[in-house]
Amino acid sequence: MGDDKKKCNCDCGCGHGGKLPEDKVEDLKDALKKLGYKLEETEDGEIKVTK
């Protein structure tokens, strides 16, 4: 029963999480590009999303 509380450090889809925030941002960028959005990073590090 205690195994449900463990953190998983893989991307196996088990729902325990474990990806770093930076990896989640990259996944989001990839998903937005696949949906046809354009991404631009500004000089101050912000991401601008346009159609």
C-alpha atoms as a PDB file:
ATOM      1  CA  MET A   1       0.000   0.000   0.000  1.00  0.00           C
ATOM      2  CA  GLY A   2       2.867   2.394   0.700  1.00  0.00           C
ATOM      3  CA  ASP A   3       4.059   2.191  -2.917  1.00  0.00           C
ATOM      4  CA  ASP A   4       1.366   4.670  -4.021  1.00  0.00           C
ATOM      5  CA  LYS A   5       3.216   7.481  -2.218  1.00  0.00           C
ATOM      6  CA  LYS A   6       6.575   6.893  -3.976  1.00  0.00           C
ATOM      7  CA  LYS A   7       7.840   9.350  -6.543  1.00  0.00           C
ATOM      8  CA  CYS A   8       8.646   7.879  -9.920  1.00  0.00           C
ATOM      9  CA  ASN A   9      11.549   9.427 -11.795  1.00  0.00           C
ATOM     10  CA  CYS A  10      10.649   8.003 -15.168  1.00  0.00           C
ATOM     11  CA  ASP A  11       8.245   8.937 -17.933  1.00  0.00           C
ATOM     12  CA  CYS A  12       6.312   5.663 -17.782  1.00  0.00           C
ATOM     13  CA  GLY A  13       2.861   7.247 -17.437  1.00  0.00           C
ATOM     14  CA  CYS A  14       2.286   5.810 -13.967  1.00  0.00           C
ATOM     15  CA  GLY A  15       0.904   9.130 -12.728  1.00  0.00           C
ATOM     16  CA  HIS A  16       3.403   9.583  -9.919  1.00  0.00           C
ATOM     17  CA  GLY A  17       5.082  12.528 -11.572  1.00  0.00           C
ATOM     18  CA  GLY A  18       8.789  12.959 -11.583  1.00  0.00           C
ATOM     19  CA  LYS A  19       9.547  15.179 -14.548  1.00  0.00           C
ATOM     20  CA  LEU A  20      11.488  18.317 -13.884  1.00  0.00           C
ATOM     21  CA  PRO A  21       9.682  21.602 -14.547  1.00  0.00           C
ATOM     22  CA  GLU A  22      12.104  22.337 -17.405  1.00  0.00           C
ATOM     23  CA  ASP A  23      11.139  19.036 -19.050  1.00  0.00           C
ATOM     24  CA  LYS A  24       7.449  19.840 -18.678  1.00  0.00           C
ATOM     25  CA  VAL A  25       7.993  23.200 -20.401  1.00  0.00           C
ATOM     26  CA  GLU A  26       9.751  21.477 -23.305  1.00  0.00           C
ATOM     27  CA  ASP A  27       6.879  18.978 -23.596  1.00  0.00           C
ATOM     28  CA  LEU A  28       4.400  21.858 -23.665  1.00  0.00           C
ATOM     29  CA  LYS A  29       6.413  23.664 -26.348  1.00  0.00           C
ATOM     30  CA  ASP A  30       6.458  20.514 -28.488  1.00  0.00           C
ATOM     31  CA  ALA A  31       2.703  20.017 -28.072  1.00  0.00           C
ATOM     32  CA  LEU A  32       1.955  23.624 -29.038  1.00  0.00           C
ATOM     33  CA  LYS A  33       4.153  23.335 -32.138  1.00  0.00           C
ATOM     34  CA  LYS A  34       2.308  20.163 -33.168  1.00  0.00           C
ATOM     35  CA  LEU A  35      -0.980  22.067 -32.864  1.00  0.00           C
ATOM     36  CA  GLY A  36       0.313  24.684 -35.289  1.00  0.00           C
ATOM     37  CA  TYR A  37       1.294  27.484 -32.930  1.00  0.00           C
ATOM     38  CA  LYS A  38       4.452  29.532 -33.360  1.00  0.00           C
ATOM     39  CA  LEU A  39       6.694  30.004 -30.342  1.00  0.00           C
ATOM     40  CA  GLU A  40       9.132  32.845 -29.855  1.00  0.00           C
ATOM     41  CA  GLU A  41      11.372  33.322 -26.851  1.00  0.00           C
ATOM     42  CA  THR A  42      11.930  36.934 -25.866  1.00  0.00           C
ATOM     43  CA  GLU A  43      15.237  38.329 -24.623  1.00  0.00           C
ATOM     44  CA  ASP A  44      13.949  38.268 -21.049  1.00  0.00           C
ATOM     45  CA  GLY A  45      13.142  34.559 -21.281  1.00  0.00           C
ATOM     46  CA  GLU A  46       9.387  34.734 -21.794  1.00  0.00           C
ATOM     47  CA  ILE A  47       7.660  32.596 -24.402  1.00  0.00           C
ATOM     48  CA  LYS A  48       5.347  34.281 -26.896  1.00  0.00           C
ATOM     49  CA  VAL A  49       2.736  31.989 -28.493  1.00  0.00           C
ATOM     50  CA  THR A  50       1.020  33.026 -31.718  1.00  0.00           C
ATOM     51  CA  LYS A  51      -1.191  31.246 -34.233  1.00  0.00           C
END
